[in-house]
N, C-alpha and C. Protein backbone atom coordinates (compact mmCIF):
# COMPACT_ATOMS: atom_id res chain seq x y z
N MET A 1 161.27 74.77 198.93
CA MET A 1 162.09 75.36 199.98
C MET A 1 162.45 76.79 199.58
N PRO A 2 162.53 77.72 200.58
CA PRO A 2 162.91 79.09 200.25
C PRO A 2 164.35 79.19 199.81
N ALA A 3 164.64 80.21 199.04
CA ALA A 3 166.02 80.44 198.62
C ALA A 3 166.85 80.93 199.81
N PRO A 4 168.18 80.76 199.75
CA PRO A 4 169.03 81.26 200.85
C PRO A 4 168.85 82.76 201.04
N TRP A 5 168.93 83.22 202.31
CA TRP A 5 168.87 84.65 202.59
C TRP A 5 170.09 85.33 201.98
N THR A 6 169.86 86.41 201.28
CA THR A 6 170.96 87.09 200.61
C THR A 6 171.88 87.79 201.61
N ALA A 7 171.42 87.97 202.87
CA ALA A 7 172.27 88.59 203.88
C ALA A 7 173.43 87.68 204.27
N PHE A 8 173.32 86.39 203.99
CA PHE A 8 174.36 85.43 204.30
C PHE A 8 175.07 85.07 203.00
N ASP A 9 176.34 85.43 202.89
CA ASP A 9 177.05 85.17 201.63
C ASP A 9 178.16 84.14 201.78
N ASP A 10 178.21 83.45 202.92
CA ASP A 10 179.24 82.43 203.11
C ASP A 10 178.82 81.13 202.44
N LEU A 11 179.80 80.46 201.85
CA LEU A 11 179.56 79.18 201.20
C LEU A 11 179.79 78.04 202.19
N PRO A 12 179.08 76.91 202.01
CA PRO A 12 178.18 76.56 200.90
C PRO A 12 176.74 77.04 201.07
N TYR A 13 176.42 77.67 202.22
CA TYR A 13 175.03 78.06 202.45
C TYR A 13 174.50 78.98 201.35
N ALA A 14 175.28 79.97 200.92
CA ALA A 14 174.79 80.96 199.97
C ALA A 14 174.42 80.33 198.64
N ASP A 15 175.04 79.21 198.27
CA ASP A 15 174.72 78.54 197.01
C ASP A 15 173.62 77.50 197.15
N SER A 16 173.58 76.85 198.31
CA SER A 16 172.75 75.65 198.40
C SER A 16 171.60 75.73 199.39
N GLY A 17 171.67 76.63 200.38
CA GLY A 17 170.58 76.77 201.32
C GLY A 17 170.69 75.82 202.51
N ILE A 18 169.84 76.06 203.51
CA ILE A 18 169.91 75.35 204.78
C ILE A 18 169.55 73.87 204.64
N PHE A 19 168.61 73.58 203.74
CA PHE A 19 168.20 72.18 203.57
C PHE A 19 169.37 71.32 203.09
N HIS A 20 170.16 71.86 202.19
CA HIS A 20 171.34 71.13 201.69
C HIS A 20 172.32 70.87 202.83
N LEU A 21 172.54 71.87 203.69
CA LEU A 21 173.48 71.69 204.80
C LEU A 21 173.00 70.60 205.75
N MET A 22 171.69 70.56 206.00
CA MET A 22 171.13 69.55 206.89
C MET A 22 171.23 68.17 206.28
N ARG A 23 170.88 68.08 205.00
CA ARG A 23 170.85 66.77 204.35
C ARG A 23 172.25 66.18 204.21
N ARG A 24 173.21 67.04 203.89
CA ARG A 24 174.58 66.57 203.71
C ARG A 24 175.42 66.64 204.99
N GLN A 25 174.81 67.14 206.07
CA GLN A 25 175.50 67.28 207.36
C GLN A 25 176.77 68.12 207.23
N VAL A 26 176.62 69.24 206.55
CA VAL A 26 177.73 70.21 206.44
C VAL A 26 177.61 71.14 207.64
N ASN A 27 178.24 70.78 208.73
CA ASN A 27 178.02 71.47 210.01
C ASN A 27 179.03 72.58 210.30
N GLU A 28 180.28 72.38 209.94
CA GLU A 28 181.35 73.30 210.34
C GLU A 28 181.59 74.38 209.29
N GLY A 29 182.36 75.40 209.72
CA GLY A 29 182.76 76.46 208.81
C GLY A 29 181.80 77.64 208.85
N PRO A 30 182.22 78.80 208.34
CA PRO A 30 181.38 80.00 208.37
C PRO A 30 180.08 79.86 207.58
N GLY A 31 180.07 79.00 206.55
CA GLY A 31 178.84 78.80 205.78
C GLY A 31 178.18 77.47 206.09
N GLY A 32 178.59 76.84 207.21
CA GLY A 32 178.01 75.56 207.60
C GLY A 32 176.71 75.72 208.39
N TYR A 33 176.15 74.60 208.78
CA TYR A 33 174.84 74.59 209.45
C TYR A 33 174.87 75.33 210.77
N TYR A 34 175.89 75.06 211.63
CA TYR A 34 175.91 75.66 212.96
C TYR A 34 176.02 77.18 212.89
N ALA A 35 176.94 77.67 212.05
CA ALA A 35 177.13 79.11 211.94
C ALA A 35 175.89 79.78 211.34
N THR A 36 175.28 79.13 210.38
CA THR A 36 174.09 79.71 209.75
C THR A 36 172.93 79.80 210.74
N VAL A 37 172.74 78.76 211.54
CA VAL A 37 171.67 78.79 212.54
C VAL A 37 171.93 79.87 213.58
N ARG A 38 173.19 80.00 214.01
CA ARG A 38 173.52 81.04 215.00
C ARG A 38 173.22 82.44 214.44
N ARG A 39 173.62 82.68 213.20
CA ARG A 39 173.40 84.00 212.60
C ARG A 39 171.91 84.25 212.39
N THR A 40 171.17 83.22 212.03
CA THR A 40 169.72 83.37 211.88
C THR A 40 169.08 83.73 213.21
N ALA A 41 169.51 83.04 214.28
CA ALA A 41 168.97 83.32 215.61
C ALA A 41 169.28 84.75 216.04
N GLU A 42 170.48 85.23 215.71
CA GLU A 42 170.85 86.60 216.05
C GLU A 42 169.96 87.60 215.32
N LEU A 43 169.69 87.36 214.05
CA LEU A 43 168.83 88.25 213.29
C LEU A 43 167.40 88.25 213.84
N VAL A 44 166.90 87.06 214.17
CA VAL A 44 165.54 86.97 214.71
C VAL A 44 165.45 87.68 216.05
N SER A 45 166.47 87.49 216.93
CA SER A 45 166.47 88.16 218.23
C SER A 45 166.49 89.68 218.07
N ALA A 46 167.30 90.16 217.13
CA ALA A 46 167.36 91.60 216.89
C ALA A 46 166.03 92.12 216.35
N ALA A 47 165.39 91.33 215.50
CA ALA A 47 164.11 91.75 214.92
C ALA A 47 163.02 91.81 216.00
N ILE A 48 163.06 90.87 216.94
CA ILE A 48 162.05 90.86 218.01
C ILE A 48 162.14 92.12 218.86
N ALA A 49 163.36 92.64 219.01
CA ALA A 49 163.56 93.83 219.85
C ALA A 49 163.09 95.11 219.17
N GLN A 50 162.80 95.05 217.87
CA GLN A 50 162.38 96.24 217.13
C GLN A 50 160.86 96.27 216.99
N PRO A 51 160.23 97.41 217.29
CA PRO A 51 158.78 97.50 217.09
C PRO A 51 158.43 97.45 215.60
N LEU A 52 157.33 96.81 215.28
CA LEU A 52 156.91 96.71 213.89
C LEU A 52 156.18 97.97 213.46
N PRO A 53 156.46 98.47 212.25
CA PRO A 53 155.70 99.62 211.77
C PRO A 53 154.27 99.23 211.46
N ALA A 54 153.41 100.22 211.49
CA ALA A 54 152.01 99.96 211.16
C ALA A 54 151.88 99.56 209.70
N LEU A 55 151.03 98.58 209.44
CA LEU A 55 150.83 98.10 208.08
C LEU A 55 149.69 98.86 207.42
N SER A 56 149.82 99.05 206.12
CA SER A 56 148.74 99.67 205.36
C SER A 56 147.59 98.69 205.21
N PRO A 57 146.37 99.19 205.13
CA PRO A 57 145.23 98.28 204.93
C PRO A 57 145.40 97.48 203.64
N ILE A 58 145.01 96.22 203.68
CA ILE A 58 145.09 95.36 202.49
C ILE A 58 143.85 95.58 201.63
N PRO A 59 144.01 95.89 200.36
CA PRO A 59 142.84 96.05 199.49
C PRO A 59 142.00 94.78 199.46
N GLU A 60 140.71 94.94 199.24
CA GLU A 60 139.82 93.79 199.20
C GLU A 60 140.21 92.83 198.08
N GLU A 61 140.64 93.34 196.97
CA GLU A 61 141.04 92.51 195.86
C GLU A 61 142.40 92.97 195.35
N GLN A 62 143.32 92.03 195.26
CA GLN A 62 144.63 92.33 194.71
C GLN A 62 144.85 91.48 193.47
N PRO A 63 145.16 92.10 192.34
CA PRO A 63 145.42 91.31 191.14
C PRO A 63 146.69 90.50 191.28
N LEU A 64 146.74 89.38 190.58
CA LEU A 64 147.93 88.54 190.58
C LEU A 64 149.11 89.32 190.03
N ARG A 65 150.23 89.30 190.76
CA ARG A 65 151.42 90.01 190.31
C ARG A 65 152.06 89.27 189.14
N ARG A 66 152.30 89.99 188.07
CA ARG A 66 152.86 89.40 186.87
C ARG A 66 154.04 90.25 186.39
N PRO A 67 154.94 89.67 185.60
CA PRO A 67 156.05 90.47 185.07
C PRO A 67 155.52 91.67 184.28
N THR A 68 156.02 92.85 184.60
CA THR A 68 155.51 94.07 183.98
C THR A 68 155.66 94.02 182.47
N GLY A 69 154.56 94.26 181.77
CA GLY A 69 154.59 94.35 180.33
C GLY A 69 154.84 93.04 179.62
N GLN A 70 154.78 91.91 180.33
CA GLN A 70 155.11 90.64 179.71
C GLN A 70 153.89 89.74 179.56
N VAL A 71 153.24 89.42 180.67
CA VAL A 71 152.16 88.45 180.63
C VAL A 71 150.82 89.14 180.81
N PRO A 72 149.90 89.00 179.87
CA PRO A 72 148.58 89.61 180.03
C PRO A 72 147.80 88.92 181.13
N THR A 73 146.75 89.60 181.60
CA THR A 73 145.97 89.03 182.70
C THR A 73 145.08 87.89 182.26
N THR A 74 144.75 87.83 180.98
CA THR A 74 143.94 86.72 180.47
C THR A 74 144.54 86.22 179.16
N PRO A 75 144.31 84.95 178.82
CA PRO A 75 144.83 84.43 177.56
C PRO A 75 144.23 85.16 176.37
N PRO A 76 144.91 85.16 175.25
CA PRO A 76 144.40 85.83 174.06
C PRO A 76 143.14 85.16 173.55
N THR A 77 142.35 85.92 172.87
CA THR A 77 141.12 85.39 172.28
C THR A 77 141.33 85.15 170.80
N GLY A 78 140.37 84.50 170.17
CA GLY A 78 140.43 84.28 168.74
C GLY A 78 141.41 83.23 168.31
N ILE A 79 141.67 82.22 169.16
CA ILE A 79 142.58 81.14 168.80
C ILE A 79 141.99 80.37 167.63
N LYS A 80 142.80 80.16 166.60
CA LYS A 80 142.30 79.55 165.37
C LYS A 80 142.39 78.02 165.36
N SER A 81 143.06 77.45 166.37
CA SER A 81 143.25 76.00 166.37
C SER A 81 141.90 75.28 166.39
N GLU A 82 141.85 74.16 165.70
CA GLU A 82 140.63 73.35 165.72
C GLU A 82 140.52 72.64 167.05
N PRO A 83 139.30 72.40 167.53
CA PRO A 83 139.13 71.68 168.78
C PRO A 83 139.82 70.33 168.72
N GLY A 84 140.58 70.02 169.81
CA GLY A 84 141.41 68.83 169.94
C GLY A 84 141.07 67.65 169.05
N SER A 85 141.65 67.61 167.88
CA SER A 85 141.37 66.51 166.97
C SER A 85 141.88 65.20 167.53
N LYS A 86 142.90 65.27 168.40
CA LYS A 86 143.43 64.06 169.02
C LYS A 86 143.00 63.94 170.47
N GLY A 87 142.05 64.78 170.87
CA GLY A 87 141.57 64.72 172.24
C GLY A 87 142.41 65.54 173.19
N ALA A 88 141.79 65.92 174.29
CA ALA A 88 142.51 66.68 175.30
C ALA A 88 143.57 65.80 175.96
N ARG A 89 144.66 66.42 176.38
CA ARG A 89 145.77 65.69 176.99
C ARG A 89 145.97 66.13 178.43
N LYS A 90 146.64 65.27 179.19
CA LYS A 90 147.12 65.65 180.51
C LYS A 90 148.50 66.28 180.34
N VAL A 91 148.61 67.52 180.80
CA VAL A 91 149.82 68.30 180.57
C VAL A 91 150.35 68.81 181.91
N ALA A 92 151.67 68.81 182.07
CA ALA A 92 152.31 69.41 183.24
C ALA A 92 153.15 70.59 182.79
N ILE A 93 153.22 71.61 183.63
CA ILE A 93 154.08 72.76 183.37
C ILE A 93 155.17 72.78 184.44
N SER A 94 156.42 72.63 184.00
CA SER A 94 157.57 72.66 184.90
C SER A 94 158.12 74.07 184.93
N TYR A 95 158.27 74.64 186.13
CA TYR A 95 158.68 76.03 186.24
C TYR A 95 159.39 76.24 187.58
N VAL A 96 160.08 77.35 187.71
CA VAL A 96 160.62 77.77 189.00
C VAL A 96 159.68 78.81 189.58
N GLY A 97 159.78 79.00 190.91
CA GLY A 97 158.80 79.83 191.60
C GLY A 97 158.63 81.22 191.06
N ALA A 98 159.73 81.84 190.61
CA ALA A 98 159.65 83.22 190.11
C ALA A 98 158.79 83.33 188.86
N ASP A 99 158.58 82.22 188.17
CA ASP A 99 157.85 82.23 186.90
C ASP A 99 156.42 81.71 187.04
N GLN A 100 155.90 81.68 188.26
CA GLN A 100 154.54 81.18 188.43
C GLN A 100 153.51 81.96 187.63
N PRO A 101 153.63 83.30 187.50
CA PRO A 101 152.66 84.01 186.65
C PRO A 101 152.64 83.49 185.22
N TRP A 102 153.82 83.20 184.67
CA TRP A 102 153.88 82.65 183.32
C TRP A 102 153.24 81.26 183.28
N ALA A 103 153.55 80.43 184.28
CA ALA A 103 152.98 79.08 184.32
C ALA A 103 151.46 79.13 184.39
N GLU A 104 150.93 80.05 185.18
CA GLU A 104 149.48 80.18 185.31
C GLU A 104 148.86 80.67 184.00
N TRP A 105 149.55 81.59 183.33
CA TRP A 105 149.02 82.10 182.05
C TRP A 105 148.97 80.98 181.01
N ILE A 106 150.04 80.20 180.92
CA ILE A 106 150.07 79.08 179.97
C ILE A 106 149.01 78.05 180.33
N SER A 107 148.85 77.79 181.63
CA SER A 107 147.83 76.84 182.08
C SER A 107 146.43 77.31 181.66
N HIS A 108 146.15 78.59 181.86
CA HIS A 108 144.85 79.15 181.48
C HIS A 108 144.62 78.99 179.98
N LEU A 109 145.67 79.25 179.21
CA LEU A 109 145.58 79.11 177.76
C LEU A 109 145.22 77.68 177.36
N LEU A 110 145.91 76.71 177.95
CA LEU A 110 145.74 75.32 177.55
C LEU A 110 144.41 74.74 178.04
N GLN A 111 143.89 75.28 179.13
CA GLN A 111 142.62 74.77 179.65
C GLN A 111 141.41 75.40 178.99
N SER A 112 141.62 76.51 178.27
CA SER A 112 140.51 77.22 177.65
C SER A 112 140.09 76.55 176.34
N GLU A 113 138.91 76.93 175.86
CA GLU A 113 138.44 76.46 174.55
C GLU A 113 139.37 77.00 173.47
N PRO A 114 139.67 76.25 172.42
CA PRO A 114 139.17 74.90 172.17
C PRO A 114 140.10 73.79 172.64
N ALA A 115 141.20 74.15 173.35
CA ALA A 115 142.18 73.12 173.71
C ALA A 115 141.65 72.15 174.75
N ASN A 116 141.15 72.70 175.88
CA ASN A 116 140.54 71.89 176.93
C ASN A 116 141.47 70.82 177.51
N HIS A 117 142.77 71.14 177.62
CA HIS A 117 143.68 70.18 178.21
C HIS A 117 143.56 70.19 179.73
N GLU A 118 143.94 69.09 180.35
CA GLU A 118 143.99 69.00 181.81
C GLU A 118 145.42 69.34 182.23
N VAL A 119 145.59 70.44 182.96
CA VAL A 119 146.92 70.99 183.22
C VAL A 119 147.24 70.97 184.72
N SER A 120 148.48 70.57 185.04
CA SER A 120 148.97 70.62 186.41
C SER A 120 150.24 71.47 186.45
N LEU A 121 150.34 72.33 187.45
CA LEU A 121 151.55 73.14 187.65
C LEU A 121 152.48 72.38 188.59
N ILE A 122 153.67 72.03 188.11
CA ILE A 122 154.63 71.26 188.89
C ILE A 122 155.88 72.11 189.09
N ARG A 123 156.02 72.64 190.29
CA ARG A 123 157.16 73.52 190.58
C ARG A 123 158.44 72.70 190.78
N TRP A 124 159.49 73.13 190.13
CA TRP A 124 160.79 72.49 190.28
C TRP A 124 161.36 72.87 191.65
N ARG A 125 161.69 71.86 192.46
CA ARG A 125 162.15 72.09 193.84
C ARG A 125 163.65 72.40 193.86
N VAL A 126 163.98 73.55 193.33
CA VAL A 126 165.39 73.95 193.22
C VAL A 126 166.02 74.10 194.60
N GLY A 127 165.30 74.74 195.51
CA GLY A 127 165.84 74.97 196.84
C GLY A 127 166.13 73.70 197.60
N ALA A 128 165.42 72.62 197.25
CA ALA A 128 165.64 71.33 197.91
C ALA A 128 166.71 70.51 197.21
N GLY A 129 167.33 71.09 196.16
CA GLY A 129 168.40 70.39 195.46
C GLY A 129 167.92 69.31 194.51
N GLU A 130 166.66 69.40 194.08
CA GLU A 130 166.13 68.37 193.17
C GLU A 130 166.80 68.48 191.80
N PRO A 131 167.42 67.42 191.30
CA PRO A 131 168.01 67.47 189.95
C PRO A 131 166.93 67.75 188.90
N LEU A 132 167.30 68.46 187.86
CA LEU A 132 166.34 68.81 186.82
C LEU A 132 165.72 67.58 186.19
N SER A 133 166.52 66.56 185.95
CA SER A 133 165.98 65.34 185.33
C SER A 133 164.89 64.73 186.20
N GLN A 134 165.07 64.78 187.53
CA GLN A 134 164.04 64.25 188.43
C GLN A 134 162.80 65.13 188.41
N ALA A 135 163.00 66.45 188.33
CA ALA A 135 161.86 67.37 188.27
C ALA A 135 161.02 67.12 187.02
N ILE A 136 161.69 66.89 185.88
CA ILE A 136 160.98 66.62 184.64
C ILE A 136 160.27 65.28 184.72
N ALA A 137 160.93 64.26 185.29
CA ALA A 137 160.31 62.94 185.43
C ALA A 137 159.09 63.02 186.35
N ARG A 138 159.20 63.78 187.42
CA ARG A 138 158.07 63.93 188.35
C ARG A 138 156.90 64.64 187.65
N ALA A 139 157.21 65.66 186.87
CA ALA A 139 156.16 66.38 186.16
C ALA A 139 155.49 65.49 185.11
N GLY A 140 156.28 64.62 184.47
CA GLY A 140 155.74 63.80 183.39
C GLY A 140 155.01 62.55 183.85
N HIS A 141 155.05 62.24 185.13
CA HIS A 141 154.42 61.01 185.61
C HIS A 141 152.91 61.03 185.36
N GLY A 142 152.45 60.10 184.55
CA GLY A 142 151.02 59.99 184.27
C GLY A 142 150.49 61.04 183.31
N ARG A 143 151.40 61.76 182.63
CA ARG A 143 150.97 62.83 181.72
C ARG A 143 151.59 62.63 180.35
N LYS A 144 151.01 63.29 179.34
CA LYS A 144 151.46 63.13 177.96
C LYS A 144 152.43 64.21 177.52
N ARG A 145 152.39 65.36 178.15
CA ARG A 145 153.29 66.45 177.77
C ARG A 145 153.80 67.15 179.03
N VAL A 146 155.07 67.58 178.95
CA VAL A 146 155.64 68.44 179.98
C VAL A 146 156.13 69.71 179.29
N ILE A 147 155.64 70.85 179.73
CA ILE A 147 156.08 72.13 179.20
C ILE A 147 157.10 72.71 180.16
N ALA A 148 158.32 72.90 179.70
CA ALA A 148 159.38 73.51 180.51
C ALA A 148 159.43 75.00 180.21
N VAL A 149 159.20 75.83 181.22
CA VAL A 149 159.19 77.29 181.04
C VAL A 149 160.63 77.80 181.19
N LEU A 150 161.27 78.07 180.06
CA LEU A 150 162.69 78.41 180.04
C LEU A 150 162.89 79.91 180.23
N SER A 151 162.97 80.30 181.47
CA SER A 151 163.30 81.68 181.82
C SER A 151 164.77 81.75 182.20
N ASP A 152 165.26 82.95 182.49
CA ASP A 152 166.63 83.07 182.97
C ASP A 152 166.80 82.31 184.29
N GLN A 153 165.78 82.39 185.16
CA GLN A 153 165.86 81.70 186.44
C GLN A 153 165.91 80.19 186.26
N TYR A 154 165.14 79.68 185.32
CA TYR A 154 165.11 78.24 185.06
C TYR A 154 166.44 77.77 184.49
N LEU A 155 167.03 78.58 183.63
CA LEU A 155 168.27 78.18 182.95
C LEU A 155 169.48 78.24 183.86
N THR A 156 169.47 79.12 184.87
CA THR A 156 170.61 79.23 185.77
C THR A 156 170.49 78.32 186.98
N ALA A 157 169.29 77.88 187.32
CA ALA A 157 169.11 77.01 188.48
C ALA A 157 169.88 75.70 188.41
N PRO A 158 170.04 75.07 187.23
CA PRO A 158 170.71 73.77 187.19
C PRO A 158 172.16 73.78 187.64
N THR A 159 172.79 74.94 187.76
CA THR A 159 174.20 74.96 188.14
C THR A 159 174.43 74.29 189.49
N ARG A 160 173.39 74.20 190.33
CA ARG A 160 173.58 73.53 191.61
C ARG A 160 172.64 72.33 191.79
N THR A 161 171.96 71.93 190.72
CA THR A 161 171.05 70.80 190.87
C THR A 161 171.24 69.71 189.83
N LEU A 162 172.12 69.91 188.86
CA LEU A 162 172.35 68.88 187.86
C LEU A 162 173.11 67.70 188.47
N ASP A 163 172.82 66.53 187.96
CA ASP A 163 173.49 65.32 188.43
C ASP A 163 174.81 65.17 187.68
N THR A 164 175.87 65.76 188.24
CA THR A 164 177.15 65.76 187.54
C THR A 164 177.75 64.36 187.43
N LYS A 165 177.37 63.47 188.34
CA LYS A 165 177.89 62.11 188.27
C LYS A 165 177.42 61.41 186.99
N GLU A 166 176.26 61.80 186.53
CA GLU A 166 175.71 61.20 185.31
C GLU A 166 176.03 62.03 184.07
N GLY A 167 176.86 63.07 184.22
CA GLY A 167 177.21 63.92 183.09
C GLY A 167 176.04 64.72 182.57
N GLU A 168 175.12 65.09 183.46
CA GLU A 168 173.90 65.78 183.03
C GLU A 168 174.17 67.26 182.82
N ASN A 169 173.58 67.83 181.78
CA ASN A 169 173.51 69.27 181.62
C ASN A 169 172.08 69.61 181.26
N ILE A 170 171.78 70.89 181.16
CA ILE A 170 170.38 71.28 180.97
C ILE A 170 169.84 70.77 179.64
N GLU A 171 170.69 70.64 178.64
CA GLU A 171 170.23 70.17 177.33
C GLU A 171 169.87 68.68 177.38
N THR A 172 170.70 67.89 178.06
CA THR A 172 170.36 66.46 178.16
C THR A 172 169.18 66.25 179.10
N ALA A 173 169.07 67.07 180.14
CA ALA A 173 167.96 66.91 181.07
C ALA A 173 166.62 67.22 180.42
N LEU A 174 166.64 68.09 179.41
CA LEU A 174 165.39 68.48 178.76
C LEU A 174 165.18 67.76 177.42
N ALA A 175 166.01 66.78 177.14
CA ALA A 175 165.86 66.03 175.89
C ALA A 175 164.80 64.94 176.07
N ASP A 176 164.04 64.68 175.00
CA ASP A 176 163.06 63.60 175.04
C ASP A 176 163.78 62.27 175.22
N VAL A 177 163.27 61.46 176.12
CA VAL A 177 163.86 60.15 176.37
C VAL A 177 163.09 59.11 175.56
N PRO A 178 163.78 58.32 174.71
CA PRO A 178 163.09 57.29 173.94
C PRO A 178 162.29 56.36 174.84
N GLY A 179 161.03 56.17 174.49
CA GLY A 179 160.17 55.29 175.27
C GLY A 179 159.47 55.95 176.44
N ALA A 180 159.83 57.23 176.73
CA ALA A 180 159.18 57.92 177.84
C ALA A 180 157.74 58.24 177.48
N THR A 181 156.89 58.27 178.50
CA THR A 181 155.46 58.52 178.29
C THR A 181 155.20 59.96 177.87
N ALA A 182 155.89 60.91 178.50
CA ALA A 182 155.61 62.32 178.27
C ALA A 182 156.65 62.96 177.36
N GLY A 183 156.19 63.68 176.33
CA GLY A 183 157.08 64.46 175.50
C GLY A 183 157.32 65.82 176.13
N ILE A 184 158.50 66.39 175.91
CA ILE A 184 158.88 67.67 176.52
C ILE A 184 158.73 68.79 175.49
N VAL A 185 157.98 69.81 175.86
CA VAL A 185 157.80 71.00 175.03
C VAL A 185 158.55 72.13 175.73
N LYS A 186 159.57 72.66 175.06
CA LYS A 186 160.41 73.69 175.67
C LYS A 186 159.92 75.06 175.21
N VAL A 187 159.55 75.91 176.17
CA VAL A 187 158.99 77.22 175.86
C VAL A 187 159.91 78.30 176.41
N ARG A 188 160.42 79.13 175.52
CA ARG A 188 161.27 80.25 175.91
C ARG A 188 160.38 81.47 176.08
N ILE A 189 160.32 82.02 177.29
CA ILE A 189 159.43 83.15 177.52
C ILE A 189 160.12 84.44 177.11
N ALA A 190 159.30 85.42 176.76
CA ALA A 190 159.81 86.70 176.28
C ALA A 190 160.73 87.32 177.32
N GLY A 191 161.86 87.84 176.86
CA GLY A 191 162.79 88.51 177.75
C GLY A 191 163.88 87.63 178.29
N SER A 192 163.82 86.31 178.04
CA SER A 192 164.86 85.43 178.54
C SER A 192 166.13 85.58 177.71
N ALA A 193 167.25 85.25 178.32
CA ALA A 193 168.53 85.43 177.67
C ALA A 193 168.76 84.37 176.59
N HIS A 194 169.90 84.46 175.95
CA HIS A 194 170.25 83.52 174.89
C HIS A 194 170.32 82.10 175.43
N LEU A 195 169.79 81.15 174.68
CA LEU A 195 169.77 79.75 175.10
C LEU A 195 170.95 79.00 174.50
N PRO A 196 171.32 77.86 175.11
CA PRO A 196 172.28 76.97 174.44
C PRO A 196 171.76 76.60 173.06
N GLU A 197 172.67 76.33 172.13
CA GLU A 197 172.30 76.15 170.72
C GLU A 197 171.21 75.11 170.52
N THR A 198 171.34 73.96 171.18
CA THR A 198 170.33 72.90 171.01
C THR A 198 168.96 73.37 171.46
N LEU A 199 168.88 74.04 172.60
CA LEU A 199 167.60 74.53 173.10
C LEU A 199 167.05 75.64 172.22
N GLU A 200 167.96 76.45 171.66
CA GLU A 200 167.51 77.54 170.77
C GLU A 200 166.78 76.97 169.56
N ARG A 201 167.28 75.87 169.03
CA ARG A 201 166.67 75.26 167.84
C ARG A 201 165.37 74.54 168.16
N THR A 202 165.26 74.01 169.34
CA THR A 202 164.12 73.12 169.63
C THR A 202 163.06 73.75 170.53
N SER A 203 163.25 75.02 170.90
CA SER A 203 162.28 75.65 171.80
C SER A 203 161.35 76.58 171.04
N ILE A 204 160.23 76.90 171.67
CA ILE A 204 159.24 77.83 171.12
C ILE A 204 159.35 79.14 171.90
N ARG A 205 159.61 80.21 171.20
CA ARG A 205 159.66 81.52 171.87
C ARG A 205 158.24 82.05 171.99
N LEU A 206 157.74 82.09 173.21
CA LEU A 206 156.34 82.45 173.43
C LEU A 206 156.21 83.94 173.71
N ASP A 207 155.45 84.61 172.86
CA ASP A 207 155.13 86.02 173.04
C ASP A 207 153.62 86.14 173.13
N PRO A 208 153.07 86.59 174.26
CA PRO A 208 151.62 86.68 174.42
C PRO A 208 150.92 87.54 173.37
N GLU A 209 151.70 88.41 172.70
CA GLU A 209 151.11 89.28 171.69
C GLU A 209 151.23 88.71 170.28
N ASP A 210 151.88 87.56 170.15
CA ASP A 210 152.13 86.98 168.83
C ASP A 210 151.29 85.71 168.67
N GLN A 211 150.27 85.79 167.82
CA GLN A 211 149.37 84.66 167.64
C GLN A 211 150.08 83.43 167.08
N GLN A 212 151.09 83.64 166.24
CA GLN A 212 151.78 82.50 165.64
C GLN A 212 152.50 81.65 166.68
N THR A 213 153.15 82.31 167.66
CA THR A 213 153.85 81.53 168.69
C THR A 213 152.87 80.79 169.58
N ILE A 214 151.71 81.39 169.81
CA ILE A 214 150.68 80.71 170.59
C ILE A 214 150.19 79.47 169.85
N GLU A 215 150.00 79.61 168.54
CA GLU A 215 149.58 78.47 167.73
C GLU A 215 150.62 77.36 167.75
N ARG A 216 151.90 77.73 167.72
CA ARG A 216 152.96 76.73 167.77
C ARG A 216 152.92 75.95 169.08
N LEU A 217 152.67 76.65 170.17
CA LEU A 217 152.59 75.98 171.46
C LEU A 217 151.42 75.01 171.49
N LEU A 218 150.26 75.47 171.04
CA LEU A 218 149.08 74.61 171.04
C LEU A 218 149.30 73.37 170.15
N GLU A 219 149.96 73.57 169.02
CA GLU A 219 150.22 72.46 168.12
C GLU A 219 151.20 71.47 168.75
N ALA A 220 152.21 71.99 169.46
CA ALA A 220 153.21 71.12 170.07
C ALA A 220 152.62 70.26 171.18
N VAL A 221 151.59 70.78 171.84
CA VAL A 221 150.99 70.03 172.95
C VAL A 221 150.08 68.93 172.45
N ARG A 222 149.55 69.07 171.22
CA ARG A 222 148.62 68.05 170.70
C ARG A 222 149.31 66.70 170.55
């Protein structure tokens, strides 16, 4: 689901989005469903009355947009890891939409020689209010590893999706569950802010220019 429009700053819409209002039937108030729909209709009507500017021609090929100076366009070469001594694994990458370039880069790395893992990108449905624990469980279904891409966006999203009734926080949501099929590999991407202490100790800080951190990730997935 798309994130709430920043032009609307009334609560609860600004925090939770239109899907939350519909699901919970939050209809009244300036940030409720009725007011939000009316304001959306007004914006759309005003936009229809305005002529659209001419668009620039679209280039035949556009490179994938990636965080500037952070993620290279291709995985590094010269990986020293031995070909999967324990065999290739089914791996899921849990991420938020803003970090798709990172998820794709990690996926490319894990699918390349000599790792040859089978990788699925599983986007966390933050806009739909999916609790983090459910997102991790969905990603881990039928797979041996779940890689959580810990960016600033990933770390702040749980403030409106954690299951507070169960006393969940991001550290418990990302903890390995005894008996669970999939182990969780926590990857802190370059440029992310300070992590909670438990995550700081148990996560891998991934730097595309640092061969050692890449080796740690490959080893953790085995």
